[in-house]
């Protein structure tokens, strides 16, 4: 991951502008996943995997947003 995007990702989560825990769909999917694993807590390995997946999704969203902005500017 690009270090600047990783820093932005953590900044957004620290400022609670990117808050997965407040999303009811995310909460339900997390609850179901933990139930399937028969646990109430994420292991460090699962937490790391989830954090990495979230960072990848965030990076993709930022890149897509930038490309859409360029596309819209070119079409104007």
Protein backbone atom coordinates (compact mmCIF):
# COMPACT_ATOMS: atom_id res chain seq x y z
CA UNK A 1 0.00 0.00 0.00
CA UNK A 2 1.18 3.51 -0.74
CA UNK A 3 2.40 4.93 2.60
CA UNK A 4 0.53 8.21 2.12
CA UNK A 5 -2.76 6.38 1.52
CA UNK A 6 -2.13 4.17 4.53
CA UNK A 7 -1.54 7.28 6.63
CA UNK A 8 -4.77 8.82 5.27
CA UNK A 9 -6.67 5.59 6.03
CA UNK A 10 -5.52 5.59 9.66
CA UNK A 11 -6.19 9.33 9.96
CA UNK A 12 -9.77 8.83 8.72
CA UNK A 13 -10.37 5.93 11.11
CA UNK A 14 -8.78 7.81 14.04
CA UNK A 15 -11.01 10.84 13.33
CA UNK A 16 -14.00 8.44 13.14
CA UNK A 17 -14.92 9.60 9.63
CA UNK A 18 -14.35 6.05 8.46
CA UNK A 19 -16.15 4.03 11.12
CA UNK A 20 -16.91 0.42 10.19
CA UNK A 21 -18.32 -0.34 13.63
CA UNK A 22 -21.20 2.11 13.17
CA UNK A 23 -22.40 0.39 9.98
CA UNK A 24 -25.22 -2.07 10.79
CA UNK A 25 -24.50 -4.24 7.75
CA UNK A 26 -20.82 -4.49 8.72
CA UNK A 27 -21.79 -5.33 12.30
CA UNK A 28 -24.16 -8.10 11.19
CA UNK A 29 -21.59 -9.64 8.87
CA UNK A 30 -18.94 -9.47 11.60
CA UNK A 31 -21.31 -11.08 14.11
CA UNK A 32 -22.09 -13.90 11.67
CA UNK A 33 -18.43 -14.45 10.83
CA UNK A 34 -17.44 -14.62 14.50
CA UNK A 35 -20.33 -17.01 15.20
CA UNK A 36 -19.09 -19.31 12.44
CA UNK A 37 -15.64 -19.21 14.02
CA UNK A 38 -17.25 -19.89 17.41
CA UNK A 39 -15.53 -16.93 19.04
CA UNK A 40 -16.44 -13.46 20.26
CA UNK A 41 -13.11 -11.80 19.50
CA UNK A 42 -10.86 -11.52 16.48
CA UNK A 43 -7.50 -13.19 16.83
CA UNK A 44 -4.50 -10.98 16.01
CA UNK A 45 -4.15 -12.80 12.66
CA UNK A 46 -7.80 -12.23 11.73
CA UNK A 47 -7.65 -8.61 12.87
CA UNK A 48 -4.58 -8.08 10.69
CA UNK A 49 -6.30 -9.69 7.71
CA UNK A 50 -9.41 -7.53 8.20
CA UNK A 51 -7.34 -4.36 8.61
CA UNK A 52 -5.40 -5.14 5.43
CA UNK A 53 -8.62 -5.83 3.50
CA UNK A 54 -10.08 -2.54 4.73
CA UNK A 55 -6.93 -0.66 3.67
CA UNK A 56 -7.04 -2.24 0.21
CA UNK A 57 -10.70 -1.28 -0.17
CA UNK A 58 -9.98 2.26 0.99
CA UNK A 59 -7.09 2.61 -1.46
CA UNK A 60 -9.22 1.32 -4.32
CA UNK A 61 -11.97 3.80 -3.40
CA UNK A 62 -9.54 6.73 -3.33
CA UNK A 63 -8.06 5.76 -6.69
CA UNK A 64 -11.52 5.28 -8.22
CA UNK A 65 -12.63 8.66 -6.86
CA UNK A 66 -9.58 10.37 -8.36
CA UNK A 67 -10.14 8.69 -11.72
CA UNK A 68 -13.80 9.67 -11.71
CA UNK A 69 -12.80 13.25 -10.93
CA UNK A 70 -10.39 13.29 -13.89
CA UNK A 71 -13.00 11.70 -16.13
CA UNK A 72 -15.59 14.30 -15.14
CA UNK A 73 -13.09 17.14 -15.68
CA UNK A 74 -12.19 15.84 -19.15
CA UNK A 75 -15.88 15.52 -20.08
CA UNK A 76 -16.72 19.08 -18.99
